[in-house]
Protein backbone atom coordinates (compact mmCIF):
# COMPACT_ATOMS: atom_id res chain seq x y z
CA MET A 1 10.99 0.11 31.57
CA ARG A 2 7.71 -2.28 29.55
CA LEU A 3 5.26 -1.05 31.63
CA PRO A 4 3.91 1.63 29.08
CA ARG A 5 3.71 -1.31 27.22
CA VAL A 6 1.36 -2.74 28.04
CA LEU A 7 -1.03 0.09 29.56
CA THR A 8 -1.59 0.85 25.82
CA THR A 9 -2.19 -1.91 24.28
CA LEU A 10 -4.62 -2.53 27.13
CA ALA A 11 -6.40 0.57 26.53
CA ALA A 12 -5.70 0.49 22.48
CA GLY A 13 -8.22 -3.24 22.33
CA LEU A 14 -10.46 -1.21 24.93
CA GLY A 15 -10.77 2.19 22.28
CA LEU A 16 -11.03 -0.23 18.99
CA LEU A 17 -13.98 -2.10 21.07
CA PHE A 18 -15.57 1.00 21.18
CA GLY A 19 -14.86 1.41 17.29
CA ALA A 20 -11.40 3.53 17.88
CA VAL A 21 -9.04 3.49 14.93
CA THR A 22 -6.11 5.84 17.25
CA ALA A 23 -4.40 4.58 20.29
CA PRO A 24 -4.89 6.29 23.61
CA PRO A 25 -1.28 7.75 24.85
CA ALA A 26 1.53 5.71 24.71
CA HIS A 27 3.11 7.06 28.17
CA ALA A 28 1.06 8.87 30.46
CA ASP A 29 3.31 11.39 31.22
CA ASP A 30 3.41 12.98 27.73
CA GLY A 31 -0.38 12.76 26.61
CA ALA A 32 0.55 11.79 22.92
CA ALA A 33 -1.37 9.90 20.99
CA ALA A 34 0.30 6.77 19.40
CA PRO A 35 -0.40 6.37 15.95
CA ALA A 36 -2.78 3.41 14.50
CA GLN A 37 -0.02 1.26 12.09
CA TRP A 38 0.50 -2.04 12.34
CA ARG A 39 4.63 -3.39 13.03
CA SER A 40 5.55 -6.62 12.71
CA TYR A 41 7.88 -8.94 11.34
CA TRP A 42 7.18 -12.51 9.67
CA VAL A 43 8.35 -15.36 12.11
CA ASP A 44 8.67 -18.16 9.78
CA ALA A 45 8.99 -22.05 11.93
CA PHE A 46 11.89 -22.75 9.16
CA ASN A 47 14.51 -20.87 11.17
CA PRO A 48 14.84 -20.59 15.50
CA GLY A 49 12.11 -18.30 16.82
CA ILE A 50 9.17 -20.69 18.52
CA PHE A 51 11.13 -24.09 18.73
CA THR A 52 11.58 -23.73 22.46
CA PRO A 53 10.03 -21.07 25.43
CA ALA A 54 13.42 -19.69 26.00
CA GLN A 55 13.14 -18.57 21.38
CA VAL A 56 9.81 -17.10 22.19
CA ALA A 57 11.00 -14.99 24.99
CA ALA A 58 13.73 -14.04 22.90
CA LEU A 59 11.83 -13.50 20.15
CA VAL A 60 9.43 -10.87 22.00
CA GLU A 61 11.95 -9.10 23.65
CA ASP A 62 13.43 -8.70 19.39
CA ALA A 63 10.06 -8.01 18.49
CA LEU A 64 9.12 -4.98 21.16
CA ASP A 65 12.99 -3.74 20.86
CA VAL A 66 12.06 -2.32 17.39
CA ASN A 67 8.85 -1.22 18.90
CA ALA A 68 6.83 -3.49 16.82
CA ASN A 69 2.83 -4.14 18.18
CA ALA A 70 2.54 -7.34 16.38
CA LEU A 71 4.10 -11.25 15.02
CA ILE A 72 3.07 -13.07 11.99
CA VAL A 73 4.25 -16.94 13.32
CA GLN A 74 4.22 -19.34 10.69
CA THR A 75 1.95 -21.62 12.33
CA ALA A 76 1.65 -24.31 9.54
CA ARG A 77 4.24 -24.94 6.94
CA ARG A 78 3.11 -27.59 4.78
CA TYR A 79 -0.24 -28.75 6.08
CA ASP A 80 2.15 -29.48 9.59
CA CYS A 81 1.48 -27.68 12.89
CA PHE A 82 4.03 -25.89 15.24
CA CYS A 83 0.77 -26.67 17.69
CA ASN A 84 -0.76 -29.22 19.51
CA ASN A 85 -4.79 -29.07 19.43
CA ALA A 86 -5.87 -28.18 15.42
CA LEU A 87 -6.41 -30.17 12.70
CA TYR A 88 -3.41 -30.16 10.99
CA PRO A 89 -1.25 -32.44 12.81
CA ARG A 90 1.68 -31.58 14.85
CA THR A 91 4.81 -31.56 13.38
CA ASP A 92 7.87 -33.09 12.11
CA ALA A 93 10.00 -30.77 13.61
CA ALA A 94 12.25 -29.99 16.08
CA ILE A 95 10.59 -28.11 19.00
CA ALA A 96 10.66 -29.17 22.37
CA PRO A 97 9.01 -32.33 23.61
CA GLU A 98 4.80 -32.44 24.30
CA PRO A 99 4.04 -30.96 26.00
CA TYR A 100 5.50 -27.89 24.18
CA ASP A 101 2.72 -26.35 22.40
CA PRO A 102 4.68 -23.95 19.95
CA LEU A 103 1.32 -21.71 19.33
CA GLU A 104 0.24 -21.18 22.90
CA GLU A 105 3.73 -19.95 23.77
CA ILE A 106 3.88 -17.41 21.64
CA VAL A 107 -0.19 -16.13 22.19
CA ARG A 108 0.99 -16.45 26.11
CA GLN A 109 4.23 -14.48 26.34
CA GLY A 110 3.43 -11.82 23.03
CA HIS A 111 0.05 -11.90 24.58
CA ALA A 112 1.37 -10.72 28.00
CA ALA A 113 3.64 -8.44 26.46
CA GLY A 114 0.99 -6.62 24.16
CA LEU A 115 2.13 -8.19 21.04
CA GLN A 116 -0.75 -9.47 18.49
CA VAL A 117 0.02 -12.54 17.48
CA HIS A 118 -1.31 -14.10 13.61
CA ALA A 119 -1.34 -17.43 12.87
CA TRP A 120 0.01 -17.54 9.87
CA VAL A 121 -0.65 -20.86 7.93
CA ASN A 122 0.32 -21.86 4.11
CA VAL A 123 -2.64 -22.45 2.30
CA ASN A 124 -1.78 -24.50 -0.56
CA THR A 125 1.59 -26.05 -0.45
CA MET A 126 1.52 -29.82 0.81
CA TRP A 127 4.78 -31.76 1.48
CA ASN A 128 8.40 -30.59 0.67
CA SER A 129 10.74 -33.06 1.71
CA THR A 130 11.44 -36.03 -0.09
CA THR A 131 11.30 -37.71 3.44
CA PRO A 132 7.00 -38.04 4.04
CA PRO A 133 5.65 -36.96 7.16
CA ARG A 134 5.10 -38.88 10.03
CA SER A 135 1.90 -38.79 10.72
CA PRO A 136 -0.24 -41.15 8.89
CA GLU A 137 -3.69 -38.29 8.78
CA HIS A 138 -0.56 -35.51 6.86
CA VAL A 139 -2.59 -34.55 4.06
CA PHE A 140 0.67 -36.19 2.24
CA ASN A 141 -0.54 -39.20 2.95
CA GLN A 142 -3.92 -39.18 2.90
CA HIS A 143 -3.77 -37.35 -0.66
CA GLY A 144 -0.45 -36.87 -2.16
CA PRO A 145 1.31 -38.99 -4.65
CA GLY A 146 0.25 -42.43 -2.68
CA ALA A 147 -3.85 -41.37 -3.47
CA THR A 148 -5.98 -42.48 -6.56
CA GLY A 149 -8.62 -40.80 -8.33
CA ALA A 150 -10.88 -38.18 -5.63
CA ASP A 151 -8.45 -38.80 -2.82
CA ARG A 152 -5.84 -37.09 -4.61
CA TRP A 153 -5.68 -33.67 -3.87
CA LEU A 154 -2.01 -33.08 -5.86
CA ASN A 155 -1.90 -29.48 -7.84
CA LYS A 156 -0.65 -30.59 -11.39
CA LYS A 157 0.65 -28.78 -14.33
CA ALA A 158 -0.53 -29.47 -18.02
CA ASP A 159 2.17 -31.83 -18.93
CA GLY A 160 1.50 -33.85 -16.70
CA GLN A 161 4.47 -32.70 -14.17
CA GLU A 162 3.08 -32.66 -10.11
CA LEU A 163 6.19 -32.89 -8.51
CA VAL A 164 8.26 -30.05 -8.14
CA GLY A 165 12.18 -31.16 -6.94
CA ALA A 166 10.19 -32.78 -3.78
CA ASN A 167 7.97 -29.78 -3.73
CA ALA A 168 3.66 -31.35 -3.72
CA TYR A 169 0.96 -28.20 -3.93
CA VAL A 170 -2.80 -28.95 -2.94
CA ASP A 171 -4.95 -27.92 -6.29
CA PRO A 172 -7.69 -25.13 -4.82
CA GLY A 173 -9.98 -26.10 -7.38
CA HIS A 174 -10.19 -29.51 -5.70
CA PRO A 175 -13.49 -29.21 -3.25
CA ALA A 176 -12.35 -32.16 -0.82
CA ALA A 177 -9.28 -29.78 -0.08
CA VAL A 178 -10.90 -26.19 0.22
CA ASP A 179 -13.25 -28.04 3.03
CA TYR A 180 -9.93 -29.59 4.93
CA ILE A 181 -7.87 -25.94 4.62
CA VAL A 182 -11.51 -24.22 6.40
CA ARG A 183 -11.70 -26.32 8.82
CA GLY A 184 -7.87 -26.71 9.08
CA VAL A 185 -7.83 -22.62 10.31
CA GLN A 186 -10.97 -22.86 12.36
CA SER A 187 -9.44 -24.94 14.42
CA ILE A 188 -6.81 -23.07 14.95
CA VAL A 189 -9.00 -19.67 15.18
CA ARG A 190 -11.23 -21.91 17.98
CA ASN A 191 -8.51 -23.59 19.93
CA TYR A 192 -5.94 -20.71 20.66
CA ASP A 193 -6.48 -16.98 21.29
CA VAL A 194 -4.97 -16.13 18.34
CA ASP A 195 -5.13 -12.21 16.97
CA GLY A 196 -5.79 -13.33 13.37
CA VAL A 197 -5.15 -15.86 10.60
CA ASN A 198 -2.71 -14.77 7.58
CA LEU A 199 -2.51 -16.89 4.58
CA ASP A 200 0.48 -17.76 2.93
CA TYR A 201 0.36 -19.28 -0.65
CA VAL A 202 -2.91 -18.63 -1.35
CA ARG A 203 -2.68 -18.78 -4.96
CA TYR A 204 -1.62 -21.39 -8.27
CA PRO A 205 2.24 -22.03 -8.16
CA ASP A 206 5.22 -20.73 -9.54
CA GLY A 207 7.09 -22.40 -11.97
CA SER A 208 4.88 -21.61 -15.03
CA SER A 209 6.82 -21.20 -18.69
CA THR A 210 4.87 -17.31 -19.00
CA THR A 211 4.55 -14.88 -17.14
CA THR A 212 1.29 -14.71 -18.48
CA HIS A 213 -0.66 -17.46 -17.13
CA SER A 214 -0.51 -20.65 -14.95
CA ASP A 215 0.61 -23.88 -16.49
CA TRP A 216 -1.01 -25.23 -13.23
CA GLY A 217 -4.49 -26.25 -11.78
CA TYR A 218 -4.53 -29.38 -13.86
CA ASN A 219 -5.56 -31.90 -10.60
CA GLU A 220 -8.44 -34.53 -12.98
CA VAL A 221 -10.93 -33.17 -10.76
CA SER A 222 -10.78 -29.56 -11.04
CA VAL A 223 -10.44 -30.39 -14.82
CA ALA A 224 -13.78 -32.48 -14.42
CA ARG A 225 -15.89 -29.48 -12.91
CA PHE A 226 -14.04 -26.31 -15.64
CA GLN A 227 -15.68 -28.70 -17.78
CA GLN A 228 -19.37 -29.32 -16.13
CA ALA A 229 -19.58 -25.87 -15.89
CA THR A 230 -18.76 -24.70 -18.85
CA GLY A 231 -19.86 -27.93 -20.95
CA ARG A 232 -16.52 -28.07 -22.51
CA THR A 233 -15.32 -32.05 -23.40
CA ASP A 234 -11.52 -30.29 -24.24
CA ILE A 235 -8.30 -29.58 -22.22
CA PRO A 236 -8.01 -25.55 -22.12
CA LEU A 237 -4.54 -24.36 -22.67
CA PRO A 238 -2.64 -22.75 -19.68
CA SER A 239 -3.57 -19.64 -22.11
CA ASP A 240 -7.03 -20.39 -22.34
CA THR A 241 -8.79 -17.45 -20.84
CA ALA A 242 -12.02 -18.66 -19.41
CA TRP A 243 -9.66 -20.75 -17.62
CA SER A 244 -7.70 -18.04 -16.02
CA ASP A 245 -10.68 -16.82 -14.91
CA TRP A 246 -12.26 -19.91 -13.81
CA ARG A 247 -9.21 -21.43 -11.44
CA ARG A 248 -9.06 -17.64 -10.32
CA SER A 249 -12.18 -17.79 -8.96
CA GLN A 250 -11.62 -20.70 -7.34
CA VAL A 251 -8.74 -19.00 -5.15
CA THR A 252 -11.34 -16.03 -4.27
CA ASN A 253 -13.99 -19.40 -3.41
CA LEU A 254 -11.30 -20.15 -1.13
CA VAL A 255 -10.45 -17.22 1.18
CA ARG A 256 -14.18 -15.78 0.35
CA LYS A 257 -15.03 -18.99 2.23
CA ILE A 258 -11.79 -18.96 5.22
CA TYR A 259 -13.08 -15.39 5.37
CA LEU A 260 -16.80 -16.47 6.46
CA GLY A 261 -15.76 -19.77 8.08
CA VAL A 262 -13.83 -17.47 10.72
CA TRP A 263 -16.08 -15.14 11.14
CA GLU A 264 -18.96 -17.71 12.07
CA VAL A 265 -16.16 -19.10 14.71
CA ASP A 266 -14.48 -15.43 15.75
CA PRO A 267 -15.86 -12.67 14.43
CA GLN A 268 -13.46 -10.35 15.50
CA ALA A 269 -9.95 -12.28 14.40
CA ARG A 270 -8.71 -10.59 11.67
CA LEU A 271 -7.77 -12.54 7.90
CA SER A 272 -4.70 -11.42 6.56
CA MET A 273 -2.64 -12.99 4.11
CA ASP A 274 0.94 -12.51 2.30
CA ALA A 275 0.03 -10.33 -0.83
CA ILE A 276 2.71 -11.13 -3.98
CA THR A 277 3.94 -8.31 -5.71
CA TYR A 278 6.00 -9.58 -8.72
CA GLY A 279 7.76 -8.13 -11.16
CA HIS A 280 7.14 -3.47 -11.82
CA GLY A 281 3.65 -2.38 -10.37
CA PRO A 282 0.48 -2.53 -12.23
CA GLN A 283 0.72 1.07 -13.19
CA ALA A 284 3.63 0.19 -15.31
CA VAL A 285 2.18 -3.34 -17.08
CA GLY A 286 -1.16 -1.80 -18.64
CA GLY A 287 -3.39 -2.30 -15.56
CA TRP A 288 -4.02 -5.39 -12.33
CA GLN A 289 -5.34 -7.45 -14.53
CA SER A 290 -1.64 -7.51 -16.63
CA THR A 291 0.59 -7.92 -13.18
CA ARG A 292 1.78 -11.22 -12.43
CA THR A 293 0.29 -12.02 -9.36
CA TYR A 294 -2.90 -11.38 -11.38
CA ALA A 295 -2.19 -13.65 -13.91
CA GLU A 296 0.72 -16.11 -13.39
CA VAL A 297 -0.51 -16.93 -9.92
CA LEU A 298 -3.54 -15.65 -10.60
CA GLN A 299 -4.26 -14.11 -6.93
CA ASP A 300 -6.68 -11.65 -7.40
CA TRP A 301 -5.78 -9.77 -4.19
CA ALA A 302 -6.70 -6.59 -4.63
CA GLY A 303 -10.36 -8.04 -5.78
CA TRP A 304 -10.62 -9.08 -2.28
CA LEU A 305 -10.19 -5.60 -0.01
CA ASP A 306 -12.42 -4.19 -2.63
CA GLU A 307 -15.16 -7.82 -1.22
CA GLY A 308 -14.88 -7.23 1.92
CA ILE A 309 -13.42 -11.04 2.29
CA MET A 310 -9.92 -9.64 3.18
CA ASP A 311 -9.03 -7.95 6.63
CA THR A 312 -6.02 -6.69 5.57
CA ALA A 313 -3.14 -7.41 2.57
CA VAL A 314 0.82 -7.95 3.71
CA THR A 315 2.05 -7.09 -0.04
CA MET A 316 5.61 -8.96 -0.08
CA ASN A 317 7.24 -6.59 -1.71
CA TYR A 318 10.63 -7.52 -1.75
CA LYS A 319 12.94 -5.78 -3.69
CA ARG A 320 16.74 -4.88 -3.11
CA ASN A 321 16.90 -1.00 -2.62
CA TRP A 322 20.14 -1.24 -3.83
CA ASP A 323 19.40 -2.28 -7.29
CA PRO A 324 17.65 0.48 -9.59
CA ASP A 325 15.24 -1.30 -11.09
CA GLN A 326 13.71 -3.74 -7.87
CA ALA A 327 13.79 -0.10 -6.55
CA LEU A 328 11.76 1.26 -9.12
CA MET A 329 9.24 -2.12 -8.84
CA PHE A 330 9.36 -1.12 -4.46
CA SER A 331 7.53 2.14 -5.41
CA GLU A 332 5.13 1.32 -7.94
CA TRP A 333 4.01 -1.23 -5.84
CA SER A 334 4.10 0.93 -2.68
CA GLU A 335 2.30 3.21 -4.64
CA PHE A 336 -0.58 0.67 -6.08
CA LEU A 337 -1.20 -1.18 -2.37
CA ALA A 338 -1.86 2.53 0.03
CA ASP A 339 -4.00 3.97 -3.19
CA HIS A 340 -5.98 0.06 -3.30
CA GLN A 341 -6.61 -0.59 0.28
CA GLY A 342 -10.36 0.35 -0.53
CA GLU A 343 -11.90 0.27 3.22
CA ARG A 344 -10.03 -2.18 4.21
CA GLN A 345 -5.66 -2.10 4.92
CA ALA A 346 -2.63 -2.96 3.00
CA VAL A 347 0.84 -3.56 5.00
CA ASN A 348 4.16 -3.09 3.71
CA GLY A 349 6.45 -6.31 3.65
CA PRO A 350 9.67 -5.57 2.49
CA ALA A 351 12.19 -8.35 2.38
CA LEU A 352 14.94 -7.07 5.10
CA TYR A 353 17.10 -10.49 4.18
CA LEU A 354 18.08 -8.97 0.46
CA ASN A 355 19.20 -5.43 1.97
CA GLY A 356 21.73 -4.09 4.07
CA VAL A 357 19.93 -2.20 7.54
CA ALA A 358 20.32 1.84 5.90
CA ASP A 359 18.84 0.28 2.83
CA SER A 360 15.68 -0.78 4.75
CA LEU A 361 15.10 2.19 6.58
CA SER A 362 15.31 3.53 3.37
CA GLN A 363 12.40 1.27 1.78
CA ILE A 364 10.42 1.46 6.16
CA ARG A 365 10.52 5.51 4.73
CA GLU A 366 8.97 4.87 1.60
CA ALA A 367 6.26 2.25 2.56
CA LEU A 368 4.84 4.69 5.25
CA ARG A 369 5.18 7.35 2.78
CA PRO A 370 1.77 9.03 1.58
CA SER A 371 1.41 8.87 -1.71
CA PRO A 372 1.42 11.33 -4.84
CA ALA A 373 -3.03 10.92 -3.60
CA GLY A 374 -2.67 10.96 -0.88
CA ASN A 375 -2.71 7.84 0.68
CA THR A 376 -0.56 5.88 3.20
CA ALA A 377 -0.34 1.83 3.67
CA ALA A 378 -1.41 0.36 6.95
CA GLY A 379 2.00 -0.45 8.21
CA TRP A 380 5.04 -2.71 7.47
CA SER A 381 6.18 -5.87 8.26
CA GLY A 382 9.89 -7.32 8.09
CA TYR A 383 11.02 -10.23 6.57
CA SER A 384 12.15 -11.57 8.68
CA TYR A 385 12.95 -12.00 12.29
CA ALA A 386 15.97 -15.11 11.22
CA SER A 387 17.33 -12.27 8.25
CA PRO A 388 17.08 -9.01 9.54
CA SER A 389 19.61 -7.70 6.52
CA LYS A 390 22.19 -9.50 3.91
CA ASP A 391 24.96 -8.78 6.53
CA VAL A 392 24.24 -11.26 8.92
CA ALA A 393 27.01 -13.90 7.63
CA ALA A 394 29.46 -10.89 7.67
CA ASN A 395 28.27 -9.68 10.39
CA GLY A 396 26.14 -11.81 12.95
CA LEU A 397 22.94 -12.62 13.60
CA ALA A 398 22.79 -10.64 17.19
CA ALA A 399 24.75 -7.13 15.68
CA GLU A 400 22.37 -7.00 12.68
CA ARG A 401 19.29 -7.48 14.50
CA ALA A 402 20.46 -4.78 16.74
CA LYS A 403 21.92 -2.54 14.59
CA LEU A 404 18.17 -2.63 12.58
CA ALA A 405 16.53 -2.00 15.90
CA LYS A 406 18.29 1.48 16.88
CA ALA A 407 17.89 2.25 13.10
CA LEU A 408 14.29 2.04 13.57
CA THR A 409 13.55 3.53 17.13
CA GLN A 410 16.78 5.79 17.94
CA GLY A 411 17.26 9.35 16.70
CA GLU A 412 14.77 11.81 16.32
CA ASP A 413 13.53 10.51 13.04
CA ALA A 414 13.62 6.85 13.93
CA PRO A 415 10.56 5.67 11.81
CA PHE A 416 9.58 3.94 15.21
CA LYS A 417 10.80 6.35 17.88
CA ASP A 418 7.38 5.80 19.64
CA GLU A 419 4.89 3.14 19.88
CA ALA A 420 1.72 2.29 17.87
CA ALA A 421 -1.39 0.76 17.88
CA VAL A 422 -2.55 -2.29 15.56
CA PRO A 423 -5.04 -0.13 13.41
CA GLY A 424 -8.54 -1.07 14.74
CA MET A 425 -11.15 -3.04 12.01
CA PRO A 426 -14.68 -0.72 12.68
CA TRP A 427 -16.18 -3.19 10.19
CA LYS A 428 -15.38 -5.94 12.60
CA THR A 429 -16.34 -4.11 16.09
CA ALA A 430 -19.05 -1.74 15.18
CA PRO A 431 -20.27 -4.17 11.57
CA GLN A 432 -23.05 -1.94 10.09
CA ASP A 433 -23.85 -4.91 7.52
CA GLY A 434 -24.25 -8.79 8.07
CA HIS A 435 -23.26 -12.35 5.77
CA VAL A 436 -25.43 -14.79 3.50
CA THR A 437 -23.80 -18.46 3.38
CA GLY A 438 -25.91 -21.25 2.34
CA ARG A 439 -25.22 -25.26 0.29
CA LEU A 440 -27.23 -26.92 -2.42
CA VAL A 441 -27.73 -30.44 -2.26
CA PHE A 442 -29.36 -33.59 -3.85
CA ARG A 443 -31.37 -35.50 -1.64
CA GLY A 444 -28.81 -38.07 -0.42
CA GLY A 445 -26.30 -35.16 -0.24
CA GLY A 446 -24.42 -34.71 -3.14
CA PRO A 447 -23.20 -31.54 -3.83
CA MET A 448 -24.51 -29.52 -6.57
CA ASP A 449 -21.90 -27.66 -7.48
CA GLN A 450 -21.55 -24.68 -10.57
CA VAL A 451 -25.05 -23.90 -9.25
CA PRO A 452 -26.07 -19.20 -10.33
CA VAL A 453 -27.32 -17.84 -6.69
CA THR A 454 -28.89 -15.16 -6.66
CA LEU A 455 -29.94 -12.74 -3.69
CA THR A 456 -31.68 -9.85 -4.86
CA PRO A 457 -33.23 -7.11 -2.23
CA LEU A 458 -36.70 -7.06 -1.24
CA THR A 459 -36.03 -4.75 1.85
CA GLY A 460 -32.60 -2.07 2.36
CA GLY A 461 -30.57 -0.51 0.01
CA GLY A 462 -28.27 -3.54 -0.68
CA GLU A 463 -27.35 -4.42 -4.19
CA LYS A 464 -28.62 -8.30 -6.60
CA THR A 465 -25.43 -9.98 -6.42
CA VAL A 466 -24.58 -13.39 -7.82
CA ARG A 467 -22.12 -15.69 -6.96
CA LEU A 468 -21.50 -19.62 -7.27
CA SER A 469 -21.65 -22.73 -6.30
CA ASP A 470 -18.10 -24.78 -4.91
CA GLY A 471 -17.95 -28.20 -5.45
CA SER A 472 -19.78 -28.24 -1.70
CA GLY A 473 -22.68 -27.41 -2.78
CA TRP A 474 -21.57 -24.46 -0.71
CA PHE A 475 -22.10 -20.34 -1.53
CA GLY A 476 -21.42 -17.09 0.68
CA PHE A 477 -21.79 -13.32 -0.07
CA ALA A 478 -20.12 -11.36 2.45
CA HIS A 479 -20.46 -7.60 3.97
CA VAL A 480 -24.77 -7.17 2.54
CA GLU A 481 -26.52 -4.59 3.98
CA PRO A 482 -29.01 -5.89 6.52
CA GLY A 483 -32.58 -5.91 4.69
CA VAL A 484 -34.89 -9.05 3.60
CA TYR A 485 -33.59 -10.59 0.78
CA LEU A 486 -34.57 -12.92 -1.94
CA LEU A 487 -32.19 -15.87 -3.19
CA THR A 488 -32.82 -17.49 -6.56
CA LEU A 489 -31.48 -20.22 -7.71
CA SER A 490 -30.73 -21.07 -11.65
CA LEU A 491 -31.25 -24.85 -11.27
CA PRO A 492 -29.25 -26.90 -14.23
CA LYS A 493 -31.76 -28.76 -16.69
CA GLY A 494 -32.83 -32.33 -15.02
CA VAL A 495 -32.82 -30.75 -11.74
CA THR A 496 -36.14 -29.97 -9.79
CA GLY A 497 -36.73 -28.45 -5.86
CA ALA A 498 -37.80 -25.18 -4.43
CA PRO A 499 -35.65 -22.89 -6.18
CA ALA A 500 -35.98 -19.88 -4.13
CA THR A 501 -35.84 -18.38 -0.34
CA VAL A 502 -35.61 -15.96 1.50
CA VAL A 503 -33.35 -15.00 4.08
CA ARG A 504 -32.96 -11.24 6.21
CA VAL A 505 -29.94 -10.00 7.06
CA ARG A 506 -28.99 -8.45 10.75
CA LYS A 507 -25.60 -6.57 11.80
CA GLY A 508 -23.11 -9.03 12.05
CA ALA A 509 -24.23 -11.98 11.58
CA ILE A 510 -24.36 -14.75 9.29
CA ALA A 511 -27.92 -15.67 7.56
CA LYS A 512 -27.80 -18.99 6.59
CA ALA A 513 -30.48 -19.43 3.86
CA GLU A 514 -31.44 -23.21 3.68
CA PHE A 515 -32.90 -24.91 0.33
CA THR A 516 -34.66 -27.86 0.57
CA PRO A 517 -31.98 -30.75 -1.11
CA PHE A 518 -33.44 -31.02 -4.95
CA HIS A 519 -33.70 -34.11 -7.56
CA ASN A 520 -31.66 -34.91 -10.40
CA VAL A 521 -34.35 -36.29 -12.87
CA PRO A 522 -32.58 -39.00 -15.35
């Protein structure tokens, strides 16, 4: 019977509206409070799951069978959308013809069953086929190998390589690409009743020559911006610390811009992301900044949680439990993420496809076990719905999916024996702070890039903070204490104009800082 799930979800939603963190009773007859614990499948769009309404119905039923409460559904794979009403063009994949809208259908059926739906968007992956997309509006056709100059958004290695096989990537140091990504994510949140957006590939690509730096980021526009910011004229080496810091900051700025862009459209929508956990955990390699996550792919997801520009980090903790070294890696990352959530949330995401059901069950128990410091991850996400076990080829998909559901939900010690509610976000349901955004431009509309913007409190208890404007002239400060603030600019030499303004920050709102366009004196 599915009625208790629907009632639980409705009551949980009312509770979260008023700031509650835990859910109301899961069953009308036992009075037991359902725990607040994220439980989801990743549902990729390279395999069946949302191609037809019938597949969506089966997906929803399978999610309920494991007592899941959320689905992370791939909506934009390579700037192609499994939807009809977004900035990204409709996918060429073999889905049911229009007017069928996969995202609309999974939202409709998922919500009816009490499941949250999070639109999974690949951020920096442009295309991965030798056959170009059909839509002339697709980014690959507009800004891929056929484009020149600033219209070419392709990421590039230090040796000049742009394509890895058929895989093409977008450079997050390119301002026009960043703005397109932000608008694309906003269009999904604006046009669909999703509970949030899940960012994947929000980083630099793999395939670097070492694990201590990235070989990527050499798009001409990106390199020119770095040179402008530093006053250098050389092409930096991949191992250059300043270059690595600058590239990492481009990804962080992209995340900050998406976060505040989503807030503009729907302040209650959750922003989550798929966090890299390559190799051993921070405690084994000398700290967070020594991890491959931070150094090799330039993804500072721990910093994003600290800043509050990421609501939920869903760690791709893909390790083989039957391999002792990888099992240790899994433990190290599980402990780190549990202890570094801060005031946000981290979800442990094991790889079902690398493990048999028994090993996956073991990982789930460890994922939800308190760390030595007493902290626990916000929940679990299994990768993936399409491959629930490494034994699918031998035993069949349906059999392994049923076996996993039984292991998770049946028996007194089954980890998902009872239903649970997705943890609330009190920083969104009952915000105690606000945000500041603005844009710096020259007369004529050109952006002012890399200008330091200082936010200084005049009233209230906020802190003095500095941000740099990005390649579109945009800057943002997230989660600022309410009060009146002075914003001052460190203008480049030869630039004239009023370098200061005042804003009032209110709870839950975005304060828009207004600067008169500046003049660049020759």
